[in-house]
Amino acid sequence: MAEEQHFIIRPACAADIEPIIRLDAAVTSTPKPAYWEALFKDCQSRRKQHFLLVAVKDDILLGFIAGEIRAWEFGSPPCGWVFAIAVDPNTRLSGMGADLFQAICDAFRRAGITKVRTMVARDAQLVMSFFRAQGMMAGPFVELEKDLDE
């Protein structure tokens, strides 16, 4: 029988930023320290709208999820947006990602939000499968973009 995972999920604190930066860089292969430092500051100053939650086991950060409440973009009523999630690859399939997603959805619900959205790259099948397993499906919006260097 597999060892049961015991971890806690809580709001990120300043001491979590470096481990978040390391985990994100390991998972995405793109270090973004300034991004995560700014996001943490936003979460601290707008605690009711910005969320950065971490999963910790034995004082070691093993996962995180980030999101915010957005309102009235292209007529959309207020909704929660998840824009980052990562779990240590050695901890995947433990339920940590699902628990992080549930925790941020609970935070959105406490803020009066009834819908959550995210955006996933078409070729990110693992991420797409994860969000679909959480009950997410295609929404009413289509993302469009243009290369400004053309």
Protein backbone atom coordinates (compact mmCIF):
# COMPACT_ATOMS: atom_id res chain seq x y z
CA MET A 1 0.00 0.00 0.00
CA ALA A 2 1.31 3.47 -0.85
CA GLU A 3 2.36 5.77 1.95
CA GLU A 4 -0.37 8.26 2.78
CA GLN A 5 0.58 11.85 2.01
CA HIS A 6 0.32 14.32 4.87
CA PHE A 7 0.65 17.91 3.75
CA ILE A 8 -0.96 21.19 4.62
CA ILE A 9 -2.24 23.88 2.29
CA ARG A 10 -1.94 27.47 3.42
CA PRO A 11 -1.45 30.98 2.04
CA ALA A 12 2.11 31.62 0.91
CA CYS A 13 4.40 33.62 3.18
CA ALA A 14 7.58 35.52 2.32
CA ALA A 15 9.75 32.49 3.13
CA ASP A 16 7.90 30.50 0.43
CA ILE A 17 8.88 32.75 -2.48
CA GLU A 18 12.32 31.24 -3.13
CA PRO A 19 10.99 27.65 -3.05
CA ILE A 20 8.11 28.70 -5.36
CA ILE A 21 10.62 30.26 -7.77
CA ARG A 22 12.73 27.07 -7.72
CA LEU A 23 9.76 24.73 -8.22
CA ASP A 24 8.31 26.85 -11.02
CA ALA A 25 11.70 27.00 -12.78
CA ALA A 26 12.11 23.22 -12.43
CA VAL A 27 8.65 22.53 -13.87
CA THR A 28 8.60 25.19 -16.62
CA SER A 29 12.35 25.45 -17.38
CA THR A 30 11.96 29.24 -17.20
CA PRO A 31 13.13 31.08 -14.07
CA LYS A 32 10.81 34.02 -13.27
CA PRO A 33 11.93 35.46 -9.91
CA ALA A 34 10.68 39.02 -10.54
CA TYR A 35 7.26 37.69 -11.60
CA TRP A 36 6.82 35.62 -8.43
CA GLU A 37 8.08 38.37 -6.15
CA ALA A 38 5.62 40.86 -7.70
CA LEU A 39 2.78 38.35 -7.55
CA PHE A 40 3.44 37.71 -3.86
CA LYS A 41 3.32 41.47 -3.18
CA ASP A 42 0.01 41.71 -5.08
CA CYS A 43 -1.38 38.84 -3.01
CA GLN A 44 -0.34 40.59 0.20
CA SER A 45 -1.90 43.92 -0.78
CA ARG A 46 -5.10 42.47 -2.29
CA ARG A 47 -5.76 39.42 -0.11
CA LYS A 48 -9.47 39.25 -0.98
CA GLN A 49 -8.82 39.11 -4.75
CA HIS A 50 -5.37 37.52 -5.24
CA PHE A 51 -4.46 34.08 -3.95
CA LEU A 52 -1.15 32.23 -3.73
CA LEU A 53 -1.49 28.96 -1.83
CA VAL A 54 1.22 26.43 -1.07
CA ALA A 55 1.28 22.75 -0.16
CA VAL A 56 3.90 21.95 2.48
CA LYS A 57 5.04 18.67 4.00
CA ASP A 58 7.58 18.60 6.82
CA ASP A 59 8.34 22.29 6.19
CA ILE A 60 9.20 21.58 2.53
CA LEU A 61 7.19 23.34 -0.18
CA LEU A 62 5.97 20.70 -2.65
CA GLY A 63 3.33 22.59 -4.62
CA PHE A 64 1.55 25.86 -5.20
CA ILE A 65 -1.41 27.39 -6.99
CA ALA A 66 -2.04 31.02 -7.92
CA GLY A 67 -5.16 32.81 -9.00
CA GLU A 68 -7.23 35.93 -8.75
CA ILE A 69 -10.73 37.27 -9.06
CA ARG A 70 -11.32 39.14 -12.30
CA ALA A 71 -14.43 41.09 -13.18
CA TRP A 72 -16.14 42.39 -16.29
CA GLU A 73 -13.49 41.44 -18.84
CA PHE A 74 -15.47 41.39 -22.10
CA GLY A 75 -18.72 41.37 -20.13
CA SER A 76 -17.86 38.43 -17.87
CA PRO A 77 -19.25 38.72 -14.34
CA PRO A 78 -16.69 38.29 -11.55
CA CYS A 79 -15.02 34.88 -11.68
CA GLY A 80 -11.95 33.15 -10.34
CA TRP A 81 -8.95 32.65 -12.59
CA VAL A 82 -6.27 30.05 -11.93
CA PHE A 83 -3.10 31.08 -13.73
CA ALA A 84 -0.43 28.86 -12.24
CA ILE A 85 -0.19 25.47 -10.57
CA ALA A 86 2.82 23.27 -9.94
CA VAL A 87 3.54 20.19 -7.90
CA ASP A 88 6.95 18.64 -7.33
CA PRO A 89 7.23 15.88 -9.98
CA ASN A 90 8.11 13.35 -7.25
CA THR A 91 4.83 14.16 -5.50
CA ARG A 92 2.51 13.93 -8.50
CA LEU A 93 -0.41 11.49 -8.33
CA SER A 94 -0.64 12.05 -4.57
CA GLY A 95 -3.76 14.20 -4.83
CA MET A 96 -1.85 17.36 -3.97
CA GLY A 97 -2.74 19.13 -7.22
CA ALA A 98 -6.42 18.33 -6.79
CA ASP A 99 -6.30 19.51 -3.17
CA LEU A 100 -4.59 22.77 -4.21
CA PHE A 101 -7.25 23.32 -6.88
CA GLN A 102 -10.02 22.63 -4.36
CA ALA A 103 -8.42 25.04 -1.87
CA ILE A 104 -8.32 27.92 -4.34
CA CYS A 105 -11.90 27.14 -5.44
CA ASP A 106 -12.91 27.30 -1.76
CA ALA A 107 -11.18 30.70 -1.47
CA PHE A 108 -13.09 31.92 -4.52
CA ARG A 109 -16.38 30.62 -3.06
CA ARG A 110 -15.74 32.44 0.23
CA ALA A 111 -15.33 35.62 -1.84
CA GLY A 112 -18.75 35.04 -3.44
CA ILE A 113 -17.44 33.65 -6.74
CA THR A 114 -19.37 30.86 -8.46
CA LYS A 115 -17.22 30.16 -11.53
CA VAL A 116 -13.54 29.40 -12.06
CA ARG A 117 -11.58 29.65 -15.31
CA THR A 118 -8.08 28.96 -16.56
CA MET A 119 -6.18 28.94 -19.83
CA VAL A 120 -4.13 25.97 -21.05
CA ALA A 121 -1.77 25.64 -24.01
CA ARG A 122 -3.23 23.28 -26.62
CA ASP A 123 -0.20 21.01 -26.48
CA ALA A 124 -0.09 20.82 -22.66
CA GLN A 125 -1.95 17.52 -22.46
CA LEU A 126 -0.92 16.73 -18.88
CA VAL A 127 -2.19 20.11 -17.64
CA MET A 128 -5.35 19.82 -19.77
CA SER A 129 -6.04 16.34 -18.36
CA PHE A 130 -5.53 17.60 -14.82
CA PHE A 131 -8.03 20.45 -15.18
CA ARG A 132 -10.57 18.25 -16.95
CA ALA A 133 -10.28 15.75 -14.10
CA GLN A 134 -11.22 18.64 -11.77
CA GLY A 135 -14.47 19.09 -13.73
CA MET A 136 -13.37 21.96 -15.97
CA MET A 137 -14.46 22.12 -19.61
CA ALA A 138 -14.33 24.54 -22.52
CA GLY A 139 -15.96 27.86 -21.69
CA PRO A 140 -17.73 30.53 -23.73
CA PHE A 141 -14.62 32.53 -24.65
CA VAL A 142 -11.97 31.99 -27.32
CA GLU A 143 -8.45 33.30 -26.73
CA LEU A 144 -7.03 35.29 -29.65
CA GLU A 145 -3.54 36.66 -30.11
CA LYS A 146 -1.31 38.44 -32.60
CA ASP A 147 2.47 38.52 -32.92
CA LEU A 148 3.38 42.22 -32.64
CA ASP A 149 6.69 41.71 -34.40
CA GLU A 150 4.95 41.04 -37.74
